Amino acid sequence: MSKRTVVAGALWALLSVLAFLVDPILGACVLIFGGIGVVVVQLASSWDEHPDFEARELVRARKRKQKWDRDAGKREKDAARYAAHQARQAEKARSAQERGVDERAS
């Protein structure tokens, strides 16, 4: 825990006690909003330790590249299957067209 958080927590506790001595409603308000403030100070104390957007995106890009390289064989296999499918479809269309021409000639 950072020094800033400890100071904020101590100040919050002191102000909460003083506010409760003056008025319970005011004390509850200081307790709630002061607690939120201490949490924000704690979260802000480690803000610089987290990577920025560019660093996170670089890691994501690296992972995508590894996956792309790992799945290269699957893509080639799928491309070959698709080419074979297209060839079968073209052959069906050609044979259907030839049958249509033959039936019209009869």
C-alpha atoms as a PDB file:
ATOM      1  CA  MET A   1       0.000   0.000   0.000  1.00  0.00           C
ATOM      2  CA  SER A   2       1.364   3.409  -0.900  1.00  0.00           C
ATOM      3  CA  LYS A   3       2.129   6.195   1.530  1.00  0.00           C
ATOM      4  CA  ARG A   4      -0.489   8.349  -0.167  1.00  0.00           C
ATOM      5  CA  THR A   5      -3.169   5.725   0.506  1.00  0.00           C
ATOM      6  CA  VAL A   6      -2.198   5.413   4.167  1.00  0.00           C
ATOM      7  CA  VAL A   7      -2.336   9.193   4.627  1.00  0.00           C
ATOM      8  CA  ALA A   8      -5.711   9.367   2.842  1.00  0.00           C
ATOM      9  CA  GLY A   9      -7.074   6.524   4.995  1.00  0.00           C
ATOM     10  CA  ALA A  10      -5.903   8.130   8.241  1.00  0.00           C
ATOM     11  CA  LEU A  11      -7.337  11.504   7.225  1.00  0.00           C
ATOM     12  CA  TRP A  12     -10.618   9.830   6.248  1.00  0.00           C
ATOM     13  CA  ALA A  13     -10.883   8.049   9.598  1.00  0.00           C
ATOM     14  CA  LEU A  14     -10.142  11.261  11.520  1.00  0.00           C
ATOM     15  CA  LEU A  15     -12.656  13.307   9.529  1.00  0.00           C
ATOM     16  CA  SER A  16     -15.287  10.579   9.887  1.00  0.00           C
ATOM     17  CA  VAL A  17     -14.927  10.525  13.684  1.00  0.00           C
ATOM     18  CA  LEU A  18     -15.079  14.312  13.888  1.00  0.00           C
ATOM     19  CA  ALA A  19     -18.102  14.446  11.585  1.00  0.00           C
ATOM     20  CA  PHE A  20     -19.920  11.794  13.639  1.00  0.00           C
ATOM     21  CA  LEU A  21     -19.308  13.859  16.757  1.00  0.00           C
ATOM     22  CA  VAL A  22     -20.918  16.870  15.092  1.00  0.00           C
ATOM     23  CA  ASP A  23     -23.837  15.139  13.379  1.00  0.00           C
ATOM     24  CA  PRO A  24     -24.519  11.444  12.594  1.00  0.00           C
ATOM     25  CA  ILE A  25     -25.922  12.198   9.133  1.00  0.00           C
ATOM     26  CA  LEU A  26     -22.900  14.340   8.268  1.00  0.00           C
ATOM     27  CA  GLY A  27     -20.669  11.605   9.688  1.00  0.00           C
ATOM     28  CA  ALA A  28     -22.316   8.958   7.499  1.00  0.00           C
ATOM     29  CA  CYS A  29     -21.887  11.177   4.460  1.00  0.00           C
ATOM     30  CA  VAL A  30     -18.189  11.750   5.199  1.00  0.00           C
ATOM     31  CA  LEU A  31     -17.753   8.028   5.914  1.00  0.00           C
ATOM     32  CA  ILE A  32     -19.287   6.949   2.599  1.00  0.00           C
ATOM     33  CA  PHE A  33     -17.756   9.566   0.308  1.00  0.00           C
ATOM     34  CA  GLY A  34     -14.432   9.468   2.123  1.00  0.00           C
ATOM     35  CA  GLY A  35     -14.287   5.692   1.682  1.00  0.00           C
ATOM     36  CA  ILE A  36     -14.905   6.112  -2.011  1.00  0.00           C
ATOM     37  CA  GLY A  37     -12.142   8.713  -2.110  1.00  0.00           C
ATOM     38  CA  VAL A  38      -9.669   6.387  -0.380  1.00  0.00           C
ATOM     39  CA  VAL A  39     -10.482   3.611  -2.858  1.00  0.00           C
ATOM     40  CA  VAL A  40      -9.918   6.009  -5.764  1.00  0.00           C
ATOM     41  CA  VAL A  41      -6.576   7.094  -4.276  1.00  0.00           C
ATOM     42  CA  GLN A  42      -5.547   3.438  -3.932  1.00  0.00           C
ATOM     43  CA  LEU A  43      -6.521   2.642  -7.503  1.00  0.00           C
ATOM     44  CA  ALA A  44      -4.765   5.746  -8.806  1.00  0.00           C
ATOM     45  CA  SER A  45      -1.551   4.888  -6.965  1.00  0.00           C
ATOM     46  CA  SER A  46      -0.875   1.932  -9.272  1.00  0.00           C
ATOM     47  CA  TRP A  47      -2.111   3.603 -12.467  1.00  0.00           C
ATOM     48  CA  ASP A  48       1.371   4.020 -13.987  1.00  0.00           C
ATOM     49  CA  GLU A  49       2.291   0.376 -13.440  1.00  0.00           C
ATOM     50  CA  HIS A  50      -0.195  -0.888 -16.002  1.00  0.00           C
ATOM     51  CA  PRO A  51       0.776  -1.111 -19.674  1.00  0.00           C
ATOM     52  CA  ASP A  52      -0.612   1.487 -22.025  1.00  0.00           C
ATOM     53  CA  PHE A  53      -2.834   0.750 -25.018  1.00  0.00           C
ATOM     54  CA  GLU A  54       0.051   0.372 -27.460  1.00  0.00           C
ATOM     55  CA  ALA A  55       1.804  -2.204 -25.271  1.00  0.00           C
ATOM     56  CA  ARG A  56      -1.385  -4.233 -24.835  1.00  0.00           C
ATOM     57  CA  GLU A  57      -2.100  -4.077 -28.564  1.00  0.00           C
ATOM     58  CA  LEU A  58       1.467  -5.211 -29.333  1.00  0.00           C
ATOM     59  CA  VAL A  59       0.958  -8.276 -27.121  1.00  0.00           C
ATOM     60  CA  ARG A  60      -2.379  -9.016 -28.829  1.00  0.00           C
ATOM     61  CA  ALA A  61      -0.783  -8.673 -32.272  1.00  0.00           C
ATOM     62  CA  ARG A  62       1.991 -11.063 -31.271  1.00  0.00           C
ATOM     63  CA  LYS A  63      -0.578 -13.629 -30.117  1.00  0.00           C
ATOM     64  CA  ARG A  64      -2.577 -13.247 -33.340  1.00  0.00           C
ATOM     65  CA  LYS A  65       0.599 -13.761 -35.388  1.00  0.00           C
ATOM     66  CA  GLN A  66       1.475 -16.921 -33.452  1.00  0.00           C
ATOM     67  CA  LYS A  67      -2.035 -18.277 -33.994  1.00  0.00           C
ATOM     68  CA  TRP A  68      -1.894 -17.360 -37.697  1.00  0.00           C
ATOM     69  CA  ASP A  69       1.418 -19.187 -38.091  1.00  0.00           C
ATOM     70  CA  ARG A  70       0.193 -22.170 -36.082  1.00  0.00           C
ATOM     71  CA  ASP A  71      -2.952 -22.531 -38.232  1.00  0.00           C
ATOM     72  CA  ALA A  72      -1.230 -22.145 -41.615  1.00  0.00           C
ATOM     73  CA  GLY A  73      -1.601 -25.864 -42.385  1.00  0.00           C
ATOM     74  CA  LYS A  74      -5.312 -25.806 -41.612  1.00  0.00           C
ATOM     75  CA  ARG A  75      -5.832 -22.832 -43.922  1.00  0.00           C
ATOM     76  CA  GLU A  76      -3.976 -24.577 -46.762  1.00  0.00           C
ATOM     77  CA  LYS A  77      -6.048 -27.713 -46.246  1.00  0.00           C
ATOM     78  CA  ASP A  78      -9.276 -25.690 -46.239  1.00  0.00           C
ATOM     79  CA  ALA A  79      -8.199 -23.842 -49.383  1.00  0.00           C
ATOM     80  CA  ALA A  80      -7.517 -27.158 -51.137  1.00  0.00           C
ATOM     81  CA  ARG A  81     -10.902 -28.538 -50.043  1.00  0.00           C
ATOM     82  CA  TYR A  82     -12.631 -25.378 -51.273  1.00  0.00           C
ATOM     83  CA  ALA A  83     -10.848 -25.557 -54.633  1.00  0.00           C
ATOM     84  CA  ALA A  84     -11.927 -29.200 -55.000  1.00  0.00           C
ATOM     85  CA  HIS A  85     -15.492 -28.232 -54.118  1.00  0.00           C
ATOM     86  CA  GLN A  86     -15.483 -25.455 -56.709  1.00  0.00           C
ATOM     87  CA  ALA A  87     -14.142 -27.886 -59.318  1.00  0.00           C
ATOM     88  CA  ARG A  88     -16.935 -30.360 -58.503  1.00  0.00           C
ATOM     89  CA  GLN A  89     -19.535 -27.586 -58.732  1.00  0.00           C
ATOM     90  CA  ALA A  90     -18.143 -26.456 -62.091  1.00  0.00           C
ATOM     91  CA  GLU A  91     -18.192 -30.047 -63.371  1.00  0.00           C
ATOM     92  CA  LYS A  92     -21.821 -30.429 -62.249  1.00  0.00           C
ATOM     93  CA  ALA A  93     -22.765 -27.200 -63.991  1.00  0.00           C
ATOM     94  CA  ARG A  94     -20.965 -28.272 -67.164  1.00  0.00           C
ATOM     95  CA  SER A  95     -22.604 -31.713 -67.195  1.00  0.00           C
ATOM     96  CA  ALA A  96     -26.033 -30.193 -66.499  1.00  0.00           C
ATOM     97  CA  GLN A  97     -25.515 -27.740 -69.335  1.00  0.00           C
ATOM     98  CA  GLU A  98     -24.436 -30.537 -71.700  1.00  0.00           C
ATOM     99  CA  ARG A  99     -27.471 -32.606 -70.732  1.00  0.00           C
ATOM    100  CA  GLY A 100     -29.671 -29.590 -71.350  1.00  0.00           C
ATOM    101  CA  VAL A 101     -28.172 -29.125 -74.795  1.00  0.00           C
ATOM    102  CA  ASP A 102     -28.561 -32.863 -75.542  1.00  0.00           C
ATOM    103  CA  GLU A 103     -32.212 -32.889 -74.412  1.00  0.00           C
ATOM    104  CA  ARG A 104     -33.048 -29.868 -76.563  1.00  0.00           C
ATOM    105  CA  ALA A 105     -31.425 -31.500 -79.597  1.00  0.00           C
ATOM    106  CA  SER A 106     -33.599 -34.630 -79.195  1.00  0.00           C
END
